[in-house]
């Protein structure tokens, strides 16, 4: 699964390269914060 946070062109390119079923919407800020929290917990 790919998480996307870009604009329409980025989404179209990722869908073409990896398949639309693998591209999921994501809030970039939440994704970064979640990653930092996971890292801090280690």
C-alpha atoms as a PDB file:
ATOM      1  CA  UNK A   1       0.000   0.000   0.000  1.00  0.00           C
ATOM      2  CA  UNK A   2       1.211   3.490  -0.851  1.00  0.00           C
ATOM      3  CA  UNK A   3       0.220   6.539   1.157  1.00  0.00           C
ATOM      4  CA  UNK A   4      -0.284   9.658  -0.899  1.00  0.00           C
ATOM      5  CA  UNK A   5      -0.257  13.277   0.117  1.00  0.00           C
ATOM      6  CA  UNK A   6       0.508  14.950  -3.206  1.00  0.00           C
ATOM      7  CA  UNK A   7      -1.608  16.655  -5.802  1.00  0.00           C
ATOM      8  CA  UNK A   8      -3.624  15.147  -8.660  1.00  0.00           C
ATOM      9  CA  UNK A   9      -0.620  14.703 -10.953  1.00  0.00           C
ATOM     10  CA  UNK A  10       1.355  12.841  -8.272  1.00  0.00           C
ATOM     11  CA  UNK A  11      -1.630  10.601  -7.604  1.00  0.00           C
ATOM     12  CA  UNK A  12      -2.056   9.799 -11.308  1.00  0.00           C
ATOM     13  CA  UNK A  13       1.635   8.932 -11.703  1.00  0.00           C
ATOM     14  CA  UNK A  14       1.644   6.675  -8.627  1.00  0.00           C
ATOM     15  CA  UNK A  15      -1.568   4.970  -9.761  1.00  0.00           C
ATOM     16  CA  UNK A  16      -0.060   4.290 -13.177  1.00  0.00           C
ATOM     17  CA  UNK A  17       3.192   2.956 -11.727  1.00  0.00           C
ATOM     18  CA  UNK A  18       1.845   0.888  -8.836  1.00  0.00           C
ATOM     19  CA  UNK A  19      -1.872   0.386  -9.542  1.00  0.00           C
ATOM     20  CA  UNK A  20      -4.730   2.549  -8.293  1.00  0.00           C
ATOM     21  CA  UNK A  21      -5.807  -0.100  -5.764  1.00  0.00           C
ATOM     22  CA  UNK A  22      -2.521   0.358  -3.878  1.00  0.00           C
ATOM     23  CA  UNK A  23      -2.696   4.170  -3.618  1.00  0.00           C
ATOM     24  CA  UNK A  24      -4.473   5.394  -0.479  1.00  0.00           C
ATOM     25  CA  UNK A  25      -5.196   8.914   0.761  1.00  0.00           C
ATOM     26  CA  UNK A  26      -3.145  10.148   3.676  1.00  0.00           C
ATOM     27  CA  UNK A  27      -2.730  13.257   5.756  1.00  0.00           C
ATOM     28  CA  UNK A  28       0.992  14.051   5.466  1.00  0.00           C
ATOM     29  CA  UNK A  29       1.188  15.794   8.847  1.00  0.00           C
ATOM     30  CA  UNK A  30      -0.489  12.901  10.667  1.00  0.00           C
ATOM     31  CA  UNK A  31       1.741  10.383   8.907  1.00  0.00           C
ATOM     32  CA  UNK A  32       4.914  12.227   9.905  1.00  0.00           C
ATOM     33  CA  UNK A  33       3.760  12.663  13.509  1.00  0.00           C
ATOM     34  CA  UNK A  34       2.795   8.994  13.744  1.00  0.00           C
ATOM     35  CA  UNK A  35       6.191   7.942  12.404  1.00  0.00           C
ATOM     36  CA  UNK A  36       7.988  10.163  14.898  1.00  0.00           C
ATOM     37  CA  UNK A  37       5.894   8.790  17.757  1.00  0.00           C
ATOM     38  CA  UNK A  38       6.701   5.207  16.790  1.00  0.00           C
ATOM     39  CA  UNK A  39      10.393   6.049  16.571  1.00  0.00           C
ATOM     40  CA  UNK A  40      10.370   7.867  19.928  1.00  0.00           C
ATOM     41  CA  UNK A  41       8.772   4.820  21.577  1.00  0.00           C
ATOM     42  CA  UNK A  42      11.688   2.568  20.671  1.00  0.00           C
END
